[in-house]
Amino acid sequence: MLSSEEAKELVLIGRNAVLSVFEGKELLVPDSLKEKYRKKRGVFTTLLRYPGRELRGCIGVPYPVYPLWYAVIYSSVSASFKDPRFPPLSLEELNKVVWELSVLTEPQEISKERLPEGICIGRDGLIVELGSSRGLLLPQVAPRYSWDPVEFLEHTCLKAGLERDCWKDPSAKVYIFESEIFEEVEPWGEVKKVEQKTCG
C-alpha cells in the first residue's frame, strides 16, 4: 500500500523523467528513492488532459519485472512519447496534463467457469490472451464507460485486436488484477488516491 505522499514522489519521478527527455538530460534518481521503491511492481501511467480529463496517453508494464521507481519512469516516458494512438507529447502540453498512476497486483488467471460473474466492475482489471495477441484494460476503464462484465471482456478482446467474443475461445486465457490508483488534482499538484469498489 502506498500513501498519497509516496505516490506524489513517484509521479514526480515520472514527470521529471519526461522533462529530462525534453531537456536532453539524463534523469538522476537519488539512491534513497531507488531503495525505497525497489520492490518490483506492475505499473501503468495514464496522461489525462486538464481540466477535461480526456485520455492523452496510457502505457505500462503489467507484470512485476522492474523495480517500482524504474517502472514509473518507463511507463511515464512511454505514455508521453510512444502511445501509437497519439502524437508525442509536446513540452507545452506537459503543464496541461495530469498524471494517473496505477500500481498493479500480479495478474491471476480466472477460470472460464467463473466468467463473467467473477469479474468485479470497478475493482478488477482484465487481460485477455489468445495466441500471440494480448489486450489489457485497467480497472478504472469499465466504470468510465458503464460497462457490465461481458462488455468489459468484449472490449478487452477488441483491445487485443481480436473478435469481441474471443474470451469464450477454449484456448483463450483471462487474467484479473487490481490496482492502487493515484491521480494529480492539477498538473504538478497534489496527488490523491482514487477510491476503488469492493466486491463481496
N, C-alpha and C. Protein backbone atom coordinates (compact mmCIF):
# COMPACT_ATOMS: atom_id res chain seq x y z
N MET A 1 0.85 -1.19 0.00
CA MET A 1 0.00 0.00 0.00
C MET A 1 0.89 1.24 0.00
N LEU A 2 0.53 2.19 -0.85
CA LEU A 2 1.26 3.45 -0.94
C LEU A 2 0.43 4.57 -0.31
N SER A 3 1.11 5.53 0.28
CA SER A 3 0.44 6.74 0.75
C SER A 3 0.37 7.75 -0.38
N SER A 4 -0.47 8.77 -0.21
CA SER A 4 -0.56 9.82 -1.23
C SER A 4 0.77 10.54 -1.38
N GLU A 5 1.51 10.68 -0.26
CA GLU A 5 2.81 11.35 -0.32
C GLU A 5 3.81 10.52 -1.13
N GLU A 6 3.78 9.20 -0.93
CA GLU A 6 4.67 8.33 -1.70
C GLU A 6 4.29 8.34 -3.18
N ALA A 7 2.97 8.34 -3.44
CA ALA A 7 2.52 8.39 -4.83
C ALA A 7 2.97 9.69 -5.50
N LYS A 8 2.95 10.79 -4.74
CA LYS A 8 3.41 12.05 -5.32
C LYS A 8 4.90 11.98 -5.65
N GLU A 9 5.69 11.34 -4.79
CA GLU A 9 7.12 11.15 -5.10
C GLU A 9 7.28 10.40 -6.41
N LEU A 10 6.48 9.36 -6.58
CA LEU A 10 6.57 8.56 -7.80
C LEU A 10 6.12 9.34 -9.03
N VAL A 11 5.03 10.09 -8.89
CA VAL A 11 4.56 10.91 -10.01
C VAL A 11 5.64 11.92 -10.42
N LEU A 12 6.30 12.52 -9.43
CA LEU A 12 7.36 13.48 -9.74
C LEU A 12 8.54 12.81 -10.43
N ILE A 13 8.84 11.56 -10.05
CA ILE A 13 9.88 10.82 -10.76
C ILE A 13 9.48 10.67 -12.23
N GLY A 14 8.22 10.32 -12.47
CA GLY A 14 7.74 10.17 -13.84
C GLY A 14 7.74 11.47 -14.61
N ARG A 15 7.24 12.52 -13.98
CA ARG A 15 7.21 13.83 -14.64
C ARG A 15 8.62 14.31 -14.97
N ASN A 16 9.51 14.18 -14.01
CA ASN A 16 10.88 14.65 -14.24
C ASN A 16 11.61 13.82 -15.28
N ALA A 17 11.22 12.54 -15.41
CA ALA A 17 11.80 11.71 -16.47
C ALA A 17 11.40 12.25 -17.83
N VAL A 18 10.12 12.64 -17.96
CA VAL A 18 9.64 13.21 -19.23
C VAL A 18 10.30 14.56 -19.48
N LEU A 19 10.39 15.37 -18.45
CA LEU A 19 11.05 16.68 -18.59
C LEU A 19 12.50 16.52 -19.01
N SER A 20 13.18 15.52 -18.48
CA SER A 20 14.58 15.31 -18.83
C SER A 20 14.75 14.93 -20.30
N VAL A 21 13.73 14.25 -20.87
CA VAL A 21 13.77 13.94 -22.30
C VAL A 21 13.75 15.24 -23.11
N PHE A 22 12.86 16.15 -22.73
CA PHE A 22 12.79 17.44 -23.44
C PHE A 22 14.09 18.23 -23.30
N GLU A 23 14.72 18.12 -22.13
CA GLU A 23 15.95 18.88 -21.87
C GLU A 23 17.20 18.17 -22.37
N GLY A 24 17.02 16.94 -22.86
CA GLY A 24 18.18 16.18 -23.35
C GLY A 24 19.15 15.79 -22.26
N LYS A 25 18.62 15.62 -21.05
CA LYS A 25 19.47 15.27 -19.92
C LYS A 25 19.11 13.88 -19.39
N GLU A 26 20.04 13.30 -18.68
CA GLU A 26 19.78 12.02 -18.02
C GLU A 26 19.14 12.30 -16.67
N LEU A 27 18.06 11.58 -16.37
CA LEU A 27 17.41 11.74 -15.07
C LEU A 27 18.23 11.02 -14.01
N LEU A 28 18.56 11.73 -12.96
CA LEU A 28 19.31 11.15 -11.85
C LEU A 28 18.34 10.92 -10.69
N VAL A 29 18.05 9.67 -10.41
CA VAL A 29 17.15 9.32 -9.31
C VAL A 29 18.01 9.05 -8.07
N PRO A 30 17.73 9.73 -6.97
CA PRO A 30 18.53 9.51 -5.76
C PRO A 30 18.51 8.05 -5.32
N ASP A 31 19.63 7.59 -4.79
CA ASP A 31 19.71 6.20 -4.33
C ASP A 31 18.67 5.92 -3.25
N SER A 32 18.35 6.94 -2.46
CA SER A 32 17.37 6.75 -1.39
C SER A 32 16.00 6.39 -1.96
N LEU A 33 15.63 6.99 -3.10
CA LEU A 33 14.34 6.66 -3.72
C LEU A 33 14.41 5.31 -4.42
N LYS A 34 15.54 4.99 -5.02
CA LYS A 34 15.70 3.67 -5.64
C LYS A 34 15.55 2.57 -4.59
N GLU A 35 16.09 2.80 -3.41
CA GLU A 35 15.98 1.82 -2.34
C GLU A 35 14.54 1.76 -1.81
N LYS A 36 13.91 2.92 -1.65
CA LYS A 36 12.55 2.99 -1.11
C LYS A 36 11.55 2.29 -2.02
N TYR A 37 11.76 2.41 -3.33
CA TYR A 37 10.81 1.85 -4.30
C TYR A 37 11.47 0.74 -5.13
N ARG A 38 12.22 -0.11 -4.44
CA ARG A 38 12.97 -1.17 -5.12
C ARG A 38 12.11 -2.38 -5.45
N LYS A 39 10.97 -2.55 -4.76
CA LYS A 39 10.13 -3.72 -4.99
C LYS A 39 9.59 -3.71 -6.42
N LYS A 40 9.61 -4.86 -7.06
CA LYS A 40 9.14 -4.96 -8.43
C LYS A 40 7.61 -4.94 -8.46
N ARG A 41 7.05 -4.05 -9.29
CA ARG A 41 5.60 -3.92 -9.39
C ARG A 41 5.21 -3.63 -10.84
N GLY A 42 4.02 -4.08 -11.21
CA GLY A 42 3.46 -3.65 -12.48
C GLY A 42 2.89 -2.25 -12.33
N VAL A 43 3.09 -1.42 -13.33
CA VAL A 43 2.67 -0.02 -13.25
C VAL A 43 2.16 0.46 -14.61
N PHE A 44 1.08 1.23 -14.58
CA PHE A 44 0.63 1.95 -15.77
C PHE A 44 0.58 3.44 -15.46
N THR A 45 1.04 4.24 -16.42
CA THR A 45 0.89 5.68 -16.34
C THR A 45 -0.13 6.12 -17.38
N THR A 46 -1.13 6.86 -16.92
CA THR A 46 -2.14 7.42 -17.81
C THR A 46 -2.02 8.93 -17.78
N LEU A 47 -1.94 9.55 -18.94
CA LEU A 47 -1.94 11.01 -19.05
C LEU A 47 -3.33 11.47 -19.46
N LEU A 48 -3.86 12.44 -18.72
CA LEU A 48 -5.20 12.97 -18.99
C LEU A 48 -5.11 14.48 -19.19
N ARG A 49 -5.76 14.97 -20.21
CA ARG A 49 -5.77 16.41 -20.44
C ARG A 49 -6.48 17.12 -19.29
N TYR A 50 -5.95 18.26 -18.90
CA TYR A 50 -6.51 19.04 -17.80
C TYR A 50 -7.13 20.32 -18.34
N PRO A 51 -8.37 20.66 -17.90
CA PRO A 51 -9.15 20.02 -16.83
C PRO A 51 -10.17 18.99 -17.32
N GLY A 52 -10.29 18.77 -18.63
CA GLY A 52 -11.36 17.92 -19.14
C GLY A 52 -11.16 16.43 -18.90
N ARG A 53 -9.89 16.03 -18.63
CA ARG A 53 -9.54 14.65 -18.31
C ARG A 53 -9.76 13.69 -19.47
N GLU A 54 -9.59 14.19 -20.70
CA GLU A 54 -9.61 13.30 -21.86
C GLU A 54 -8.28 12.56 -21.92
N LEU A 55 -8.33 11.32 -22.39
CA LEU A 55 -7.13 10.50 -22.48
C LEU A 55 -6.11 11.13 -23.42
N ARG A 56 -4.84 11.16 -22.98
CA ARG A 56 -3.76 11.70 -23.81
C ARG A 56 -2.64 10.68 -24.01
N GLY A 57 -2.71 9.58 -23.28
CA GLY A 57 -1.70 8.54 -23.43
C GLY A 57 -1.77 7.56 -22.27
N CYS A 58 -1.50 6.31 -22.53
CA CYS A 58 -1.51 5.31 -21.47
C CYS A 58 -0.70 4.09 -21.90
N ILE A 59 0.39 3.84 -21.19
CA ILE A 59 1.23 2.67 -21.44
C ILE A 59 1.79 2.21 -20.09
N GLY A 60 2.01 0.92 -19.97
CA GLY A 60 2.56 0.44 -18.71
C GLY A 60 3.19 -0.92 -18.82
N VAL A 61 3.52 -1.45 -17.68
CA VAL A 61 4.16 -2.75 -17.53
C VAL A 61 3.23 -3.59 -16.66
N PRO A 62 2.52 -4.57 -17.24
CA PRO A 62 1.51 -5.29 -16.47
C PRO A 62 2.07 -6.24 -15.42
N TYR A 63 3.29 -6.70 -15.61
CA TYR A 63 3.85 -7.69 -14.68
C TYR A 63 5.01 -7.09 -13.88
N PRO A 64 5.26 -7.60 -12.68
CA PRO A 64 6.31 -7.03 -11.82
C PRO A 64 7.71 -7.45 -12.26
N VAL A 65 8.19 -6.84 -13.32
CA VAL A 65 9.51 -7.18 -13.86
C VAL A 65 10.55 -6.10 -13.57
N TYR A 66 10.11 -4.89 -13.21
CA TYR A 66 11.04 -3.79 -12.91
C TYR A 66 10.79 -3.27 -11.50
N PRO A 67 11.83 -2.73 -10.87
CA PRO A 67 11.61 -2.01 -9.61
C PRO A 67 10.59 -0.89 -9.84
N LEU A 68 9.82 -0.59 -8.80
CA LEU A 68 8.74 0.37 -8.94
C LEU A 68 9.22 1.71 -9.49
N TRP A 69 10.34 2.20 -9.01
CA TRP A 69 10.82 3.51 -9.46
C TRP A 69 11.11 3.50 -10.96
N TYR A 70 11.69 2.39 -11.45
CA TYR A 70 12.02 2.32 -12.87
C TYR A 70 10.77 2.08 -13.71
N ALA A 71 9.84 1.29 -13.20
CA ALA A 71 8.59 1.04 -13.92
C ALA A 71 7.82 2.34 -14.12
N VAL A 72 7.88 3.24 -13.14
CA VAL A 72 7.22 4.55 -13.27
C VAL A 72 7.90 5.38 -14.37
N ILE A 73 9.22 5.37 -14.40
CA ILE A 73 9.95 6.09 -15.45
C ILE A 73 9.60 5.53 -16.82
N TYR A 74 9.69 4.22 -16.94
CA TYR A 74 9.42 3.57 -18.23
C TYR A 74 8.01 3.87 -18.71
N SER A 75 7.01 3.72 -17.83
CA SER A 75 5.63 3.92 -18.26
C SER A 75 5.33 5.39 -18.53
N SER A 76 5.92 6.29 -17.75
CA SER A 76 5.68 7.72 -17.96
C SER A 76 6.24 8.20 -19.30
N VAL A 77 7.48 7.80 -19.59
CA VAL A 77 8.10 8.19 -20.85
C VAL A 77 7.36 7.54 -22.03
N SER A 78 6.99 6.28 -21.87
CA SER A 78 6.29 5.58 -22.95
C SER A 78 4.92 6.19 -23.21
N ALA A 79 4.17 6.50 -22.14
CA ALA A 79 2.85 7.11 -22.31
C ALA A 79 2.95 8.48 -22.95
N SER A 80 4.04 9.18 -22.68
CA SER A 80 4.21 10.53 -23.23
C SER A 80 4.62 10.53 -24.70
N PHE A 81 5.43 9.56 -25.10
CA PHE A 81 6.03 9.64 -26.43
C PHE A 81 5.77 8.42 -27.34
N LYS A 82 5.27 7.33 -26.80
CA LYS A 82 5.22 6.10 -27.59
C LYS A 82 3.84 5.47 -27.71
N ASP A 83 2.80 6.13 -27.20
CA ASP A 83 1.45 5.59 -27.38
C ASP A 83 1.06 5.81 -28.84
N PRO A 84 0.86 4.74 -29.61
CA PRO A 84 0.61 4.90 -31.05
C PRO A 84 -0.71 5.59 -31.38
N ARG A 85 -1.57 5.75 -30.39
CA ARG A 85 -2.86 6.42 -30.63
C ARG A 85 -2.74 7.93 -30.65
N PHE A 86 -1.60 8.46 -30.20
CA PHE A 86 -1.45 9.90 -30.05
C PHE A 86 -0.09 10.36 -30.58
N PRO A 87 0.01 11.63 -31.00
CA PRO A 87 1.33 12.17 -31.32
C PRO A 87 2.14 12.32 -30.04
N PRO A 88 3.46 12.39 -30.14
CA PRO A 88 4.27 12.57 -28.94
C PRO A 88 3.88 13.84 -28.18
N LEU A 89 3.96 13.77 -26.86
CA LEU A 89 3.65 14.92 -26.03
C LEU A 89 4.61 16.06 -26.34
N SER A 90 4.10 17.29 -26.33
CA SER A 90 4.95 18.45 -26.52
C SER A 90 5.30 19.04 -25.16
N LEU A 91 6.37 19.84 -25.13
CA LEU A 91 6.78 20.46 -23.88
C LEU A 91 5.67 21.34 -23.32
N GLU A 92 4.97 22.04 -24.21
CA GLU A 92 3.87 22.90 -23.76
C GLU A 92 2.77 22.08 -23.09
N GLU A 93 2.52 20.89 -23.62
CA GLU A 93 1.46 20.04 -23.06
C GLU A 93 1.80 19.48 -21.69
N LEU A 94 3.08 19.42 -21.36
CA LEU A 94 3.49 18.83 -20.09
C LEU A 94 2.80 19.52 -18.91
N ASN A 95 2.53 20.78 -19.04
CA ASN A 95 1.86 21.53 -17.98
C ASN A 95 0.35 21.55 -18.15
N LYS A 96 -0.16 20.79 -19.12
CA LYS A 96 -1.60 20.76 -19.39
C LYS A 96 -2.19 19.36 -19.29
N VAL A 97 -1.41 18.45 -18.68
CA VAL A 97 -1.91 17.09 -18.45
C VAL A 97 -1.68 16.73 -16.99
N VAL A 98 -2.53 15.83 -16.50
CA VAL A 98 -2.32 15.29 -15.16
C VAL A 98 -1.93 13.82 -15.28
N TRP A 99 -1.16 13.37 -14.31
CA TRP A 99 -0.68 12.00 -14.22
C TRP A 99 -1.69 11.17 -13.43
N GLU A 100 -1.99 9.99 -13.93
CA GLU A 100 -2.74 8.99 -13.18
C GLU A 100 -1.86 7.75 -13.12
N LEU A 101 -1.53 7.33 -11.91
CA LEU A 101 -0.60 6.22 -11.70
C LEU A 101 -1.37 5.02 -11.15
N SER A 102 -1.26 3.89 -11.83
CA SER A 102 -1.91 2.65 -11.38
C SER A 102 -0.82 1.63 -11.04
N VAL A 103 -0.76 1.24 -9.78
CA VAL A 103 0.21 0.26 -9.32
C VAL A 103 -0.53 -1.07 -9.15
N LEU A 104 -0.12 -2.07 -9.92
CA LEU A 104 -0.91 -3.29 -10.09
C LEU A 104 -0.51 -4.42 -9.14
N THR A 105 -1.51 -5.25 -8.81
CA THR A 105 -1.21 -6.55 -8.22
C THR A 105 -0.83 -7.48 -9.36
N GLU A 106 -0.20 -8.59 -9.03
CA GLU A 106 0.21 -9.53 -10.09
C GLU A 106 -1.04 -10.20 -10.68
N PRO A 107 -1.19 -10.18 -12.01
CA PRO A 107 -2.38 -10.78 -12.64
C PRO A 107 -2.51 -12.27 -12.30
N GLN A 108 -3.76 -12.69 -12.06
CA GLN A 108 -4.06 -14.08 -11.75
C GLN A 108 -5.08 -14.60 -12.75
N GLU A 109 -4.83 -15.80 -13.28
CA GLU A 109 -5.77 -16.37 -14.24
C GLU A 109 -7.08 -16.70 -13.55
N ILE A 110 -8.20 -16.40 -14.22
CA ILE A 110 -9.52 -16.73 -13.71
C ILE A 110 -10.12 -17.82 -14.60
N SER A 111 -10.72 -18.82 -13.99
CA SER A 111 -11.26 -19.94 -14.77
C SER A 111 -12.48 -19.51 -15.57
N LYS A 112 -12.69 -20.18 -16.69
CA LYS A 112 -13.83 -19.85 -17.55
C LYS A 112 -15.15 -20.06 -16.82
N GLU A 113 -15.16 -21.00 -15.88
CA GLU A 113 -16.40 -21.27 -15.14
C GLU A 113 -16.84 -20.06 -14.30
N ARG A 114 -15.90 -19.20 -13.97
CA ARG A 114 -16.22 -18.02 -13.13
C ARG A 114 -16.57 -16.79 -13.97
N LEU A 115 -16.53 -16.94 -15.29
CA LEU A 115 -16.82 -15.80 -16.17
C LEU A 115 -18.26 -15.85 -16.66
N PRO A 116 -18.91 -14.69 -16.80
CA PRO A 116 -18.38 -13.35 -16.49
C PRO A 116 -18.64 -12.90 -15.05
N GLU A 117 -19.38 -13.73 -14.28
CA GLU A 117 -19.85 -13.29 -12.97
C GLU A 117 -18.71 -13.01 -11.99
N GLY A 118 -17.55 -13.64 -12.22
CA GLY A 118 -16.44 -13.48 -11.29
C GLY A 118 -15.69 -12.17 -11.42
N ILE A 119 -16.09 -11.32 -12.36
CA ILE A 119 -15.43 -10.03 -12.56
C ILE A 119 -16.16 -8.96 -11.74
N CYS A 120 -15.41 -8.23 -10.95
CA CYS A 120 -15.96 -7.13 -10.15
C CYS A 120 -15.65 -5.81 -10.85
N ILE A 121 -16.68 -5.20 -11.43
CA ILE A 121 -16.51 -3.93 -12.12
C ILE A 121 -16.13 -2.84 -11.12
N GLY A 122 -15.06 -2.13 -11.43
CA GLY A 122 -14.58 -1.08 -10.55
C GLY A 122 -13.43 -1.51 -9.67
N ARG A 123 -13.26 -2.82 -9.52
CA ARG A 123 -12.14 -3.35 -8.74
C ARG A 123 -11.12 -4.07 -9.62
N ASP A 124 -11.63 -4.87 -10.57
CA ASP A 124 -10.77 -5.73 -11.37
C ASP A 124 -10.39 -5.09 -12.71
N GLY A 125 -9.13 -5.29 -13.09
CA GLY A 125 -8.68 -5.04 -14.45
C GLY A 125 -8.62 -6.38 -15.16
N LEU A 126 -8.54 -6.35 -16.48
CA LEU A 126 -8.58 -7.58 -17.26
C LEU A 126 -7.42 -7.67 -18.25
N ILE A 127 -6.94 -8.89 -18.43
CA ILE A 127 -6.04 -9.22 -19.52
C ILE A 127 -6.64 -10.43 -20.23
N VAL A 128 -6.74 -10.36 -21.56
CA VAL A 128 -7.18 -11.50 -22.36
C VAL A 128 -6.05 -11.86 -23.31
N GLU A 129 -5.67 -13.13 -23.30
CA GLU A 129 -4.61 -13.61 -24.18
C GLU A 129 -5.16 -14.74 -25.06
N LEU A 130 -4.84 -14.65 -26.34
CA LEU A 130 -5.20 -15.73 -27.28
C LEU A 130 -4.12 -15.77 -28.34
N GLY A 131 -3.41 -16.91 -28.41
CA GLY A 131 -2.28 -16.98 -29.33
C GLY A 131 -1.23 -15.96 -28.94
N SER A 132 -0.78 -15.18 -29.91
CA SER A 132 0.23 -14.16 -29.64
C SER A 132 -0.38 -12.80 -29.33
N SER A 133 -1.70 -12.72 -29.29
CA SER A 133 -2.39 -11.44 -29.05
C SER A 133 -2.75 -11.30 -27.58
N ARG A 134 -2.63 -10.07 -27.09
CA ARG A 134 -2.98 -9.79 -25.70
C ARG A 134 -3.58 -8.40 -25.59
N GLY A 135 -4.66 -8.28 -24.84
CA GLY A 135 -5.27 -6.99 -24.57
C GLY A 135 -5.39 -6.78 -23.08
N LEU A 136 -5.19 -5.55 -22.63
CA LEU A 136 -5.30 -5.21 -21.20
C LEU A 136 -6.11 -3.95 -21.04
N LEU A 137 -7.02 -3.96 -20.08
CA LEU A 137 -7.74 -2.76 -19.70
C LEU A 137 -7.70 -2.61 -18.18
N LEU A 138 -7.42 -1.41 -17.72
CA LEU A 138 -7.29 -1.13 -16.29
C LEU A 138 -8.65 -1.13 -15.59
N PRO A 139 -8.67 -1.31 -14.27
CA PRO A 139 -9.94 -1.36 -13.53
C PRO A 139 -10.82 -0.13 -13.70
N GLN A 140 -10.20 1.04 -13.88
CA GLN A 140 -10.98 2.28 -13.95
C GLN A 140 -11.68 2.47 -15.29
N VAL A 141 -11.36 1.63 -16.29
CA VAL A 141 -11.93 1.83 -17.63
C VAL A 141 -13.40 1.45 -17.68
N ALA A 142 -13.76 0.29 -17.12
CA ALA A 142 -15.14 -0.19 -17.21
C ALA A 142 -16.14 0.77 -16.57
N PRO A 143 -15.90 1.28 -15.35
CA PRO A 143 -16.85 2.25 -14.78
C PRO A 143 -16.96 3.53 -15.59
N ARG A 144 -15.84 3.93 -16.22
CA ARG A 144 -15.84 5.16 -17.01
C ARG A 144 -16.85 5.09 -18.15
N TYR A 145 -17.04 3.88 -18.69
CA TYR A 145 -17.96 3.70 -19.82
C TYR A 145 -19.23 2.93 -19.45
N SER A 146 -19.42 2.69 -18.15
CA SER A 146 -20.61 1.99 -17.64
C SER A 146 -20.77 0.61 -18.26
N TRP A 147 -19.65 -0.11 -18.40
CA TRP A 147 -19.70 -1.45 -18.96
C TRP A 147 -20.07 -2.46 -17.89
N ASP A 148 -20.78 -3.51 -18.31
CA ASP A 148 -21.00 -4.65 -17.44
C ASP A 148 -19.86 -5.65 -17.69
N PRO A 149 -19.79 -6.76 -16.92
CA PRO A 149 -18.67 -7.69 -17.09
C PRO A 149 -18.50 -8.24 -18.51
N VAL A 150 -19.60 -8.54 -19.19
CA VAL A 150 -19.50 -9.06 -20.55
C VAL A 150 -18.92 -8.00 -21.48
N GLU A 151 -19.42 -6.77 -21.37
CA GLU A 151 -18.89 -5.68 -22.21
C GLU A 151 -17.42 -5.44 -21.92
N PHE A 152 -17.03 -5.56 -20.65
CA PHE A 152 -15.63 -5.37 -20.27
C PHE A 152 -14.76 -6.44 -20.94
N LEU A 153 -15.22 -7.68 -20.90
CA LEU A 153 -14.49 -8.76 -21.57
C LEU A 153 -14.40 -8.52 -23.08
N GLU A 154 -15.51 -8.09 -23.67
CA GLU A 154 -15.54 -7.85 -25.11
C GLU A 154 -14.57 -6.75 -25.52
N HIS A 155 -14.54 -5.67 -24.75
CA HIS A 155 -13.65 -4.56 -25.11
C HIS A 155 -12.18 -4.91 -24.87
N THR A 156 -11.92 -5.81 -23.92
CA THR A 156 -10.54 -6.27 -23.72
C THR A 156 -10.11 -7.12 -24.91
N CYS A 157 -11.03 -7.93 -25.43
CA CYS A 157 -10.74 -8.69 -26.66
C CYS A 157 -10.45 -7.75 -27.83
N LEU A 158 -11.28 -6.73 -27.97
CA LEU A 158 -11.08 -5.77 -29.06
C LEU A 158 -9.75 -5.04 -28.90
N LYS A 159 -9.36 -4.75 -27.65
CA LYS A 159 -8.08 -4.09 -27.40
C LYS A 159 -6.92 -4.95 -27.90
N ALA A 160 -7.13 -6.28 -27.85
CA ALA A 160 -6.10 -7.21 -28.32
C ALA A 160 -6.12 -7.37 -29.84
N GLY A 161 -7.08 -6.71 -30.50
CA GLY A 161 -7.20 -6.85 -31.94
C GLY A 161 -7.91 -8.13 -32.35
N LEU A 162 -8.71 -8.67 -31.43
CA LEU A 162 -9.41 -9.93 -31.67
C LEU A 162 -10.92 -9.70 -31.75
N GLU A 163 -11.67 -10.74 -32.10
CA GLU A 163 -13.12 -10.66 -32.11
C GLU A 163 -13.62 -10.42 -30.68
N ARG A 164 -14.75 -9.73 -30.55
CA ARG A 164 -15.20 -9.32 -29.23
C ARG A 164 -15.57 -10.49 -28.32
N ASP A 165 -15.89 -11.65 -28.89
CA ASP A 165 -16.22 -12.80 -28.05
C ASP A 165 -15.06 -13.77 -27.92
N CYS A 166 -13.84 -13.28 -28.16
CA CYS A 166 -12.66 -14.16 -28.12
C CYS A 166 -12.46 -14.81 -26.76
N TRP A 167 -12.97 -14.17 -25.70
CA TRP A 167 -12.76 -14.71 -24.35
C TRP A 167 -13.44 -16.07 -24.16
N LYS A 168 -14.40 -16.38 -25.04
CA LYS A 168 -15.09 -17.68 -24.96
C LYS A 168 -14.30 -18.80 -25.60
N ASP A 169 -13.28 -18.47 -26.37
CA ASP A 169 -12.47 -19.47 -27.04
C ASP A 169 -11.80 -20.37 -26.00
N PRO A 170 -11.85 -21.70 -26.19
CA PRO A 170 -11.23 -22.60 -25.21
C PRO A 170 -9.73 -22.34 -25.00
N SER A 171 -9.08 -21.78 -26.01
CA SER A 171 -7.64 -21.53 -25.91
C SER A 171 -7.32 -20.18 -25.26
N ALA A 172 -8.34 -19.34 -25.09
CA ALA A 172 -8.11 -18.01 -24.52
C ALA A 172 -7.87 -18.10 -23.03
N LYS A 173 -7.02 -17.21 -22.54
CA LYS A 173 -6.77 -17.10 -21.09
C LYS A 173 -7.19 -15.71 -20.64
N VAL A 174 -7.89 -15.67 -19.51
CA VAL A 174 -8.34 -14.40 -18.94
C VAL A 174 -7.70 -14.23 -17.56
N TYR A 175 -7.12 -13.08 -17.34
CA TYR A 175 -6.49 -12.77 -16.06
C TYR A 175 -7.17 -11.55 -15.46
N ILE A 176 -7.25 -11.54 -14.12
CA ILE A 176 -7.74 -10.34 -13.44
C ILE A 176 -6.64 -9.82 -12.52
N PHE A 177 -6.70 -8.52 -12.27
CA PHE A 177 -5.75 -7.89 -11.35
C PHE A 177 -6.45 -6.68 -10.73
N GLU A 178 -5.88 -6.20 -9.65
CA GLU A 178 -6.37 -4.99 -9.02
C GLU A 178 -5.27 -3.94 -9.06
N SER A 179 -5.60 -2.72 -8.73
CA SER A 179 -4.57 -1.69 -8.72
C SER A 179 -4.90 -0.60 -7.72
N GLU A 180 -3.84 -0.03 -7.17
CA GLU A 180 -3.96 1.21 -6.42
C GLU A 180 -3.84 2.33 -7.44
N ILE A 181 -4.79 3.25 -7.42
CA ILE A 181 -4.81 4.31 -8.42
C ILE A 181 -4.65 5.67 -7.72
N PHE A 182 -3.72 6.44 -8.23
CA PHE A 182 -3.47 7.79 -7.70
C PHE A 182 -3.51 8.78 -8.86
N GLU A 183 -4.04 9.97 -8.60
CA GLU A 183 -4.11 10.97 -9.67
C GLU A 183 -3.77 12.35 -9.13
N GLU A 184 -3.16 13.14 -10.01
CA GLU A 184 -2.89 14.54 -9.67
C GLU A 184 -4.20 15.32 -9.70
N VAL A 185 -4.36 16.22 -8.75
CA VAL A 185 -5.53 17.10 -8.73
C VAL A 185 -5.42 18.12 -9.86
N GLU A 186 -4.20 18.58 -10.10
CA GLU A 186 -3.89 19.51 -11.19
C GLU A 186 -2.46 19.26 -11.61
N PRO A 187 -2.03 19.75 -12.78
CA PRO A 187 -0.66 19.50 -13.23
C PRO A 187 0.38 19.96 -12.19
N TRP A 188 1.29 19.06 -11.85
CA TRP A 188 2.35 19.28 -10.87
C TRP A 188 1.79 19.51 -9.45
N GLY A 189 0.52 19.19 -9.25
CA GLY A 189 -0.12 19.48 -7.97
C GLY A 189 -0.15 18.29 -7.03
N GLU A 190 -1.05 18.39 -6.05
CA GLU A 190 -1.20 17.32 -5.06
C GLU A 190 -1.70 16.04 -5.73
N VAL A 191 -1.43 14.92 -5.07
CA VAL A 191 -1.83 13.62 -5.58
C VAL A 191 -2.77 12.97 -4.58
N LYS A 192 -3.88 12.45 -5.08
CA LYS A 192 -4.87 11.81 -4.20
C LYS A 192 -5.12 10.39 -4.67
N LYS A 193 -5.53 9.55 -3.72
CA LYS A 193 -5.86 8.17 -4.06
C LYS A 193 -7.30 8.10 -4.56
N VAL A 194 -7.51 7.32 -5.61
CA VAL A 194 -8.84 7.12 -6.16
C VAL A 194 -9.45 5.91 -5.47
N GLU A 195 -10.59 6.10 -4.85
CA GLU A 195 -11.23 5.01 -4.13
C GLU A 195 -11.72 3.94 -5.11
N GLN A 196 -11.48 2.69 -4.75
CA GLN A 196 -11.87 1.56 -5.58
C GLN A 196 -13.11 0.88 -5.01
N LYS A 197 -13.84 0.24 -5.88
CA LYS A 197 -15.00 -0.53 -5.45
C LYS A 197 -14.52 -1.83 -4.79
N THR A 198 -15.26 -2.28 -3.78
CA THR A 198 -15.00 -3.59 -3.20
C THR A 198 -16.19 -4.48 -3.48
N CYS A 199 -15.92 -5.73 -3.76
CA CYS A 199 -16.99 -6.70 -4.04
C CYS A 199 -16.94 -7.81 -3.01
N GLY A 200 -18.10 -8.33 -2.66
CA GLY A 200 -18.17 -9.38 -1.68
C GLY A 200 -17.69 -10.72 -2.23
